[in-house]
């Protein structure tokens, strides 16, 4: 059993950008020499999240629209009253979507559905430098 840690880094443009990480993660898996196991994808930070989605234009619009309906930007958040940074909704959205995802892999490739991709969701209101940690466990 091996355990390896890798890191992806990238820039985002701001709220609500979706970044397809699927190929980068599969590339990292190919580099490890580990044939099968699990990869945990983790976002350090309180205003980013990871999930899976079909990465196509309709859903790239639908997901931000749904987040706005569920966690609107135009209401009062206690976080904003304290910090005046305009991203209270970003923290709530990130808490509900979650900072991590675990995916099984085999033959050095994630076992995703045909139309399923792993995406990072930028939820903060400004551009960010982001890190995503990959914890790879397997044989």
N, C-alpha and C. Protein backbone atom coordinates (compact mmCIF):
# COMPACT_ATOMS: atom_id res chain seq x y z
N UNK A 1 0.85 -1.18 0.00
CA UNK A 1 0.00 0.00 0.00
C UNK A 1 0.89 1.24 0.00
N UNK A 2 0.60 2.15 -0.92
CA UNK A 2 1.34 3.40 -1.01
C UNK A 2 0.40 4.57 -0.76
N UNK A 3 0.96 5.63 -0.20
CA UNK A 3 0.24 6.89 -0.01
C UNK A 3 1.11 8.00 -0.56
N UNK A 4 0.56 8.73 -1.53
CA UNK A 4 1.28 9.85 -2.13
C UNK A 4 0.41 11.10 -2.08
N UNK A 5 1.06 12.24 -1.97
CA UNK A 5 0.35 13.52 -1.96
C UNK A 5 0.87 14.36 -3.11
N UNK A 6 -0.06 14.90 -3.89
CA UNK A 6 0.28 15.81 -4.98
C UNK A 6 -0.56 17.07 -4.83
N UNK A 7 -0.13 18.11 -5.52
CA UNK A 7 -0.84 19.39 -5.43
C UNK A 7 -1.06 19.97 -6.82
N UNK A 8 -2.27 20.43 -7.07
CA UNK A 8 -2.58 21.17 -8.28
C UNK A 8 -2.69 22.64 -7.91
N UNK A 9 -2.18 23.51 -8.77
CA UNK A 9 -2.30 24.95 -8.52
C UNK A 9 -2.82 25.61 -9.79
N UNK A 10 -3.64 26.65 -9.61
CA UNK A 10 -4.21 27.36 -10.74
C UNK A 10 -4.79 28.68 -10.26
N UNK A 11 -5.09 29.55 -11.22
CA UNK A 11 -5.70 30.85 -10.95
C UNK A 11 -7.18 30.79 -11.33
N UNK A 12 -8.01 31.49 -10.58
CA UNK A 12 -9.42 31.60 -10.95
C UNK A 12 -9.75 33.07 -11.22
N UNK A 13 -10.87 33.26 -11.91
CA UNK A 13 -11.32 34.61 -12.25
C UNK A 13 -12.31 35.15 -11.24
N UNK A 14 -12.88 34.27 -10.40
CA UNK A 14 -13.84 34.72 -9.40
C UNK A 14 -15.16 33.99 -9.51
N UNK A 15 -16.08 34.45 -8.75
CA UNK A 15 -17.40 33.84 -8.54
C UNK A 15 -18.17 33.63 -9.83
N UNK A 16 -18.87 32.64 -10.03
CA UNK A 16 -18.84 31.22 -9.69
C UNK A 16 -18.20 30.50 -10.87
N UNK A 17 -16.89 30.43 -10.89
CA UNK A 17 -16.17 29.77 -11.98
C UNK A 17 -16.03 28.28 -11.68
N UNK A 18 -16.27 27.45 -12.69
CA UNK A 18 -16.09 26.01 -12.58
C UNK A 18 -14.85 25.62 -13.38
N UNK A 19 -13.93 24.90 -12.74
CA UNK A 19 -12.68 24.50 -13.36
C UNK A 19 -12.66 22.97 -13.43
N UNK A 20 -12.61 22.43 -14.63
CA UNK A 20 -12.57 20.98 -14.83
C UNK A 20 -11.17 20.49 -14.47
N UNK A 21 -11.08 19.65 -13.43
CA UNK A 21 -9.80 19.11 -12.95
C UNK A 21 -9.56 17.67 -13.39
N UNK A 22 -10.47 17.09 -14.12
CA UNK A 22 -10.45 15.66 -14.41
C UNK A 22 -9.13 15.22 -15.05
N UNK A 23 -8.71 15.88 -16.11
CA UNK A 23 -7.50 15.46 -16.80
C UNK A 23 -6.25 15.69 -15.95
N UNK A 24 -6.23 16.77 -15.18
CA UNK A 24 -5.07 17.01 -14.32
C UNK A 24 -4.96 15.92 -13.25
N UNK A 25 -6.10 15.52 -12.69
CA UNK A 25 -6.09 14.47 -11.67
C UNK A 25 -5.68 13.14 -12.28
N UNK A 26 -6.25 12.78 -13.42
CA UNK A 26 -5.85 11.53 -14.08
C UNK A 26 -4.38 11.56 -14.47
N UNK A 27 -3.88 12.72 -14.88
CA UNK A 27 -2.45 12.86 -15.18
C UNK A 27 -1.59 12.61 -13.95
N UNK A 28 -2.02 13.14 -12.82
CA UNK A 28 -1.30 12.91 -11.57
C UNK A 28 -1.32 11.43 -11.19
N UNK A 29 -2.45 10.78 -11.41
CA UNK A 29 -2.53 9.34 -11.12
C UNK A 29 -1.59 8.54 -12.00
N UNK A 30 -1.51 8.89 -13.28
CA UNK A 30 -0.60 8.18 -14.20
C UNK A 30 0.86 8.31 -13.76
N UNK A 31 1.21 9.47 -13.21
CA UNK A 31 2.59 9.71 -12.79
C UNK A 31 2.99 8.91 -11.56
N UNK A 32 2.03 8.46 -10.76
CA UNK A 32 2.35 7.83 -9.48
C UNK A 32 2.87 6.41 -9.59
N UNK A 33 2.43 5.68 -10.60
CA UNK A 33 2.77 4.26 -10.67
C UNK A 33 1.83 3.39 -9.85
N UNK A 34 0.89 4.01 -9.15
CA UNK A 34 -0.11 3.26 -8.38
C UNK A 34 -1.23 2.88 -9.34
N UNK A 35 -1.52 1.60 -9.45
CA UNK A 35 -2.49 1.11 -10.43
C UNK A 35 -3.95 1.30 -10.01
N UNK A 36 -4.24 1.08 -8.73
CA UNK A 36 -5.64 1.12 -8.27
C UNK A 36 -5.69 1.60 -6.83
N UNK A 37 -6.79 2.25 -6.48
CA UNK A 37 -6.97 2.74 -5.13
C UNK A 37 -8.01 3.83 -5.08
N UNK A 38 -7.79 4.81 -4.22
CA UNK A 38 -8.68 5.96 -4.12
C UNK A 38 -7.85 7.24 -4.13
N UNK A 39 -8.46 8.28 -4.65
CA UNK A 39 -7.86 9.60 -4.61
C UNK A 39 -8.84 10.54 -3.92
N UNK A 40 -8.34 11.20 -2.89
CA UNK A 40 -9.14 12.22 -2.23
C UNK A 40 -8.68 13.57 -2.77
N UNK A 41 -9.65 14.35 -3.20
CA UNK A 41 -9.40 15.68 -3.75
C UNK A 41 -9.87 16.67 -2.69
N UNK A 42 -8.96 17.52 -2.18
CA UNK A 42 -9.28 18.40 -1.06
C UNK A 42 -8.90 19.84 -1.38
N UNK A 43 -9.81 20.75 -1.07
CA UNK A 43 -9.59 22.18 -1.26
C UNK A 43 -9.27 22.82 0.09
N UNK A 44 -8.03 23.29 0.29
CA UNK A 44 -7.76 24.07 1.50
C UNK A 44 -8.34 25.48 1.31
N UNK A 45 -9.11 25.93 2.24
CA UNK A 45 -9.73 27.24 2.12
C UNK A 45 -11.23 27.14 2.37
N UNK A 46 -11.84 28.27 2.63
CA UNK A 46 -13.24 28.29 3.05
C UNK A 46 -14.20 28.82 2.00
N UNK A 47 -13.71 29.12 0.79
CA UNK A 47 -14.60 29.64 -0.24
C UNK A 47 -14.41 28.93 -1.58
N UNK A 48 -13.95 27.69 -1.53
CA UNK A 48 -13.85 26.85 -2.72
C UNK A 48 -14.46 25.50 -2.41
N UNK A 49 -14.83 24.76 -3.45
CA UNK A 49 -15.45 23.46 -3.25
C UNK A 49 -15.10 22.55 -4.43
N UNK A 50 -15.30 21.25 -4.25
CA UNK A 50 -15.17 20.28 -5.34
C UNK A 50 -16.40 19.40 -5.39
N UNK A 51 -16.74 18.99 -6.60
CA UNK A 51 -17.87 18.09 -6.81
C UNK A 51 -17.69 17.44 -8.18
N UNK A 52 -18.68 16.66 -8.59
CA UNK A 52 -18.71 16.13 -9.94
C UNK A 52 -19.91 16.72 -10.66
N UNK A 53 -19.78 16.86 -11.96
CA UNK A 53 -20.85 17.40 -12.79
C UNK A 53 -20.54 17.02 -14.24
N UNK A 54 -21.55 17.04 -15.08
CA UNK A 54 -21.30 16.97 -16.51
C UNK A 54 -20.87 18.37 -16.95
N UNK A 55 -19.65 18.49 -17.38
CA UNK A 55 -19.05 19.79 -17.70
C UNK A 55 -19.48 20.21 -19.10
N UNK A 56 -20.70 20.72 -19.21
CA UNK A 56 -21.24 21.15 -20.49
C UNK A 56 -21.90 22.51 -20.31
N UNK A 57 -22.03 23.31 -21.38
CA UNK A 57 -22.47 24.71 -21.25
C UNK A 57 -23.77 24.93 -20.48
N UNK A 58 -24.75 24.08 -20.67
CA UNK A 58 -26.01 24.26 -19.95
C UNK A 58 -25.83 24.16 -18.45
N UNK A 59 -25.13 23.12 -18.01
CA UNK A 59 -24.92 22.95 -16.57
C UNK A 59 -23.94 23.96 -16.01
N UNK A 60 -23.02 24.45 -16.84
CA UNK A 60 -22.10 25.48 -16.37
C UNK A 60 -22.85 26.77 -16.05
N UNK A 61 -24.04 26.96 -16.63
CA UNK A 61 -24.89 28.09 -16.28
C UNK A 61 -25.90 27.71 -15.19
N UNK A 62 -26.41 26.48 -15.27
CA UNK A 62 -27.44 26.04 -14.31
C UNK A 62 -26.92 25.99 -12.87
N UNK A 63 -25.70 25.52 -12.68
CA UNK A 63 -25.19 25.40 -11.32
C UNK A 63 -25.05 26.77 -10.64
N UNK A 64 -24.42 27.76 -11.26
CA UNK A 64 -24.38 29.08 -10.63
C UNK A 64 -25.78 29.67 -10.39
N UNK A 65 -26.69 29.45 -11.33
CA UNK A 65 -28.06 29.94 -11.15
C UNK A 65 -28.72 29.28 -9.94
N UNK A 66 -28.51 27.98 -9.78
CA UNK A 66 -29.09 27.26 -8.64
C UNK A 66 -28.47 27.75 -7.33
N UNK A 67 -27.16 28.00 -7.32
CA UNK A 67 -26.51 28.51 -6.11
C UNK A 67 -27.06 29.89 -5.73
N UNK A 68 -27.34 30.71 -6.72
CA UNK A 68 -27.91 32.03 -6.44
C UNK A 68 -29.32 31.91 -5.85
N UNK A 69 -30.11 30.95 -6.35
CA UNK A 69 -31.46 30.75 -5.79
C UNK A 69 -31.39 30.23 -4.35
N UNK A 70 -30.46 29.33 -4.08
CA UNK A 70 -30.35 28.73 -2.75
C UNK A 70 -29.66 29.64 -1.74
N UNK A 71 -28.61 30.32 -2.18
CA UNK A 71 -27.77 31.15 -1.30
C UNK A 71 -27.55 32.50 -1.97
N UNK A 72 -28.55 33.38 -1.96
CA UNK A 72 -28.48 34.62 -2.73
C UNK A 72 -27.40 35.58 -2.25
N UNK A 73 -26.93 36.40 -3.20
CA UNK A 73 -25.90 37.38 -2.89
C UNK A 73 -26.47 38.65 -2.25
N UNK A 74 -27.72 38.94 -2.48
CA UNK A 74 -28.27 40.23 -2.08
C UNK A 74 -28.91 40.28 -0.71
N UNK A 75 -28.60 39.34 0.16
CA UNK A 75 -29.18 39.37 1.51
C UNK A 75 -28.07 39.59 2.54
N UNK A 76 -28.48 39.87 3.76
CA UNK A 76 -27.52 40.15 4.83
C UNK A 76 -26.93 38.86 5.39
N UNK A 77 -25.61 38.84 5.51
CA UNK A 77 -24.88 37.74 6.14
C UNK A 77 -24.07 38.33 7.29
N UNK A 78 -24.10 37.69 8.44
CA UNK A 78 -23.36 38.16 9.60
C UNK A 78 -21.86 38.26 9.31
N UNK A 79 -21.34 37.34 8.51
CA UNK A 79 -19.93 37.37 8.14
C UNK A 79 -19.58 38.71 7.50
N UNK A 80 -20.43 39.18 6.60
CA UNK A 80 -20.16 40.44 5.91
C UNK A 80 -20.28 41.63 6.85
N UNK A 81 -21.19 41.56 7.81
CA UNK A 81 -21.32 42.65 8.78
C UNK A 81 -20.05 42.78 9.62
N UNK A 82 -19.40 41.63 9.88
CA UNK A 82 -18.18 41.64 10.69
C UNK A 82 -16.95 42.02 9.86
N UNK A 83 -16.82 41.44 8.67
CA UNK A 83 -15.58 41.56 7.90
C UNK A 83 -15.68 42.51 6.70
N UNK A 84 -16.87 42.85 6.27
CA UNK A 84 -17.09 43.79 5.16
C UNK A 84 -16.35 43.36 3.88
N UNK A 85 -16.35 42.05 3.61
CA UNK A 85 -15.64 41.56 2.43
C UNK A 85 -16.56 41.07 1.32
N UNK A 86 -17.88 41.14 1.54
CA UNK A 86 -18.84 40.82 0.50
C UNK A 86 -18.93 39.36 0.11
N UNK A 87 -18.37 38.44 0.92
CA UNK A 87 -18.38 37.04 0.51
C UNK A 87 -19.04 36.10 1.53
N UNK A 88 -19.96 36.60 2.31
CA UNK A 88 -20.67 35.73 3.26
C UNK A 88 -21.35 34.57 2.55
N UNK A 89 -22.00 34.87 1.44
CA UNK A 89 -22.67 33.82 0.66
C UNK A 89 -21.66 32.80 0.13
N UNK A 90 -20.44 33.23 -0.16
CA UNK A 90 -19.40 32.33 -0.67
C UNK A 90 -19.06 31.25 0.36
N UNK A 91 -18.96 31.66 1.61
CA UNK A 91 -18.66 30.71 2.69
C UNK A 91 -19.80 29.71 2.89
N UNK A 92 -21.02 30.17 2.83
CA UNK A 92 -22.17 29.28 3.00
C UNK A 92 -22.26 28.29 1.85
N UNK A 93 -22.07 28.76 0.64
CA UNK A 93 -22.10 27.88 -0.53
C UNK A 93 -21.01 26.81 -0.41
N UNK A 94 -19.81 27.21 -0.02
CA UNK A 94 -18.70 26.26 0.11
C UNK A 94 -18.99 25.21 1.19
N UNK A 95 -19.61 25.65 2.29
CA UNK A 95 -19.92 24.71 3.37
C UNK A 95 -20.92 23.65 2.90
N UNK A 96 -21.88 24.05 2.10
CA UNK A 96 -22.88 23.09 1.62
C UNK A 96 -22.33 22.18 0.53
N UNK A 97 -21.49 22.69 -0.35
CA UNK A 97 -20.94 21.86 -1.42
C UNK A 97 -19.82 20.95 -0.90
N UNK A 98 -18.99 21.46 -0.02
CA UNK A 98 -17.96 20.65 0.62
C UNK A 98 -16.58 20.81 0.01
N UNK A 99 -15.54 20.62 0.87
CA UNK A 99 -14.16 20.83 0.44
C UNK A 99 -13.46 19.59 -0.10
N UNK A 100 -14.14 18.43 -0.11
CA UNK A 100 -13.42 17.23 -0.55
C UNK A 100 -14.34 16.24 -1.25
N UNK A 101 -13.68 15.36 -1.98
CA UNK A 101 -14.36 14.33 -2.75
C UNK A 101 -13.40 13.15 -2.85
N UNK A 102 -13.88 11.94 -2.68
CA UNK A 102 -13.04 10.76 -2.83
C UNK A 102 -13.57 9.94 -4.00
N UNK A 103 -12.65 9.56 -4.91
CA UNK A 103 -13.02 8.85 -6.13
C UNK A 103 -12.13 7.61 -6.25
N UNK A 104 -12.71 6.45 -6.52
CA UNK A 104 -11.89 5.26 -6.77
C UNK A 104 -11.21 5.37 -8.14
N UNK A 105 -10.05 4.70 -8.28
CA UNK A 105 -9.40 4.64 -9.58
C UNK A 105 -8.85 3.25 -9.84
N UNK A 106 -8.71 2.94 -11.11
CA UNK A 106 -8.18 1.65 -11.56
C UNK A 106 -7.43 1.91 -12.86
N UNK A 107 -6.36 1.18 -13.08
CA UNK A 107 -5.52 1.40 -14.27
C UNK A 107 -5.10 2.87 -14.38
N UNK A 108 -4.81 3.47 -13.23
CA UNK A 108 -4.33 4.85 -13.13
C UNK A 108 -5.30 5.89 -13.70
N UNK A 109 -6.59 5.59 -13.61
CA UNK A 109 -7.61 6.51 -14.10
C UNK A 109 -8.84 6.44 -13.20
N UNK A 110 -9.42 7.61 -12.91
CA UNK A 110 -10.61 7.65 -12.05
C UNK A 110 -11.76 6.89 -12.69
N UNK A 111 -12.54 6.22 -11.86
CA UNK A 111 -13.69 5.44 -12.33
C UNK A 111 -14.93 6.33 -12.31
N UNK A 112 -14.98 7.25 -13.27
CA UNK A 112 -16.09 8.20 -13.37
C UNK A 112 -17.10 7.70 -14.41
N UNK A 113 -18.32 8.21 -14.31
CA UNK A 113 -19.32 7.92 -15.31
C UNK A 113 -18.96 8.57 -16.64
N UNK A 114 -19.62 8.15 -17.69
CA UNK A 114 -19.33 8.62 -19.04
C UNK A 114 -19.31 10.14 -19.14
N UNK A 115 -20.27 10.81 -18.53
CA UNK A 115 -20.38 12.26 -18.66
C UNK A 115 -20.00 12.99 -17.37
N UNK A 116 -19.27 12.34 -16.51
CA UNK A 116 -18.96 12.89 -15.19
C UNK A 116 -17.52 13.41 -15.14
N UNK A 117 -17.36 14.66 -14.69
CA UNK A 117 -16.06 15.25 -14.49
C UNK A 117 -15.94 15.78 -13.06
N UNK A 118 -14.71 15.85 -12.58
CA UNK A 118 -14.42 16.43 -11.27
C UNK A 118 -14.14 17.92 -11.49
N UNK A 119 -14.86 18.77 -10.75
CA UNK A 119 -14.69 20.21 -10.92
C UNK A 119 -14.42 20.90 -9.59
N UNK A 120 -13.57 21.92 -9.68
CA UNK A 120 -13.39 22.87 -8.60
C UNK A 120 -14.36 24.01 -8.86
N UNK A 121 -15.01 24.51 -7.80
CA UNK A 121 -15.91 25.64 -7.93
C UNK A 121 -15.37 26.80 -7.12
N UNK A 122 -15.02 27.87 -7.82
CA UNK A 122 -14.60 29.10 -7.15
C UNK A 122 -15.84 29.82 -6.67
N UNK A 123 -15.92 30.04 -5.38
CA UNK A 123 -17.10 30.67 -4.80
C UNK A 123 -16.81 32.05 -4.24
N UNK A 124 -15.54 32.43 -4.18
CA UNK A 124 -15.20 33.75 -3.66
C UNK A 124 -15.54 34.82 -4.70
N UNK A 125 -15.62 36.05 -4.26
CA UNK A 125 -16.05 37.15 -5.12
C UNK A 125 -14.91 37.78 -5.92
N UNK A 126 -13.70 37.27 -5.73
CA UNK A 126 -12.56 37.86 -6.43
C UNK A 126 -11.65 36.77 -6.99
N UNK A 127 -10.71 37.18 -7.82
CA UNK A 127 -9.71 36.27 -8.37
C UNK A 127 -8.91 35.64 -7.23
N UNK A 128 -8.53 34.38 -7.42
CA UNK A 128 -7.77 33.71 -6.37
C UNK A 128 -6.70 32.81 -6.99
N UNK A 129 -5.61 32.63 -6.25
CA UNK A 129 -4.65 31.57 -6.52
C UNK A 129 -5.12 30.38 -5.70
N UNK A 130 -5.36 29.27 -6.33
CA UNK A 130 -5.92 28.11 -5.63
C UNK A 130 -4.97 26.93 -5.64
N UNK A 131 -5.10 26.13 -4.58
CA UNK A 131 -4.40 24.84 -4.46
C UNK A 131 -5.47 23.79 -4.24
N UNK A 132 -5.26 22.63 -4.86
CA UNK A 132 -6.08 21.46 -4.61
C UNK A 132 -5.11 20.33 -4.27
N UNK A 133 -5.34 19.69 -3.14
CA UNK A 133 -4.48 18.61 -2.67
C UNK A 133 -5.06 17.27 -3.12
N UNK A 134 -4.22 16.43 -3.66
CA UNK A 134 -4.61 15.07 -4.02
C UNK A 134 -3.90 14.10 -3.08
N UNK A 135 -4.66 13.33 -2.33
CA UNK A 135 -4.10 12.28 -1.46
C UNK A 135 -4.44 10.96 -2.14
N UNK A 136 -3.43 10.27 -2.61
CA UNK A 136 -3.60 9.07 -3.42
C UNK A 136 -3.19 7.86 -2.59
N UNK A 137 -4.09 6.90 -2.45
CA UNK A 137 -3.85 5.70 -1.65
C UNK A 137 -4.15 4.49 -2.50
N UNK A 138 -3.20 3.55 -2.59
CA UNK A 138 -3.46 2.35 -3.38
C UNK A 138 -2.24 1.49 -3.58
N UNK A 139 -2.36 0.60 -4.51
CA UNK A 139 -1.28 -0.37 -4.82
C UNK A 139 -1.02 -0.41 -6.31
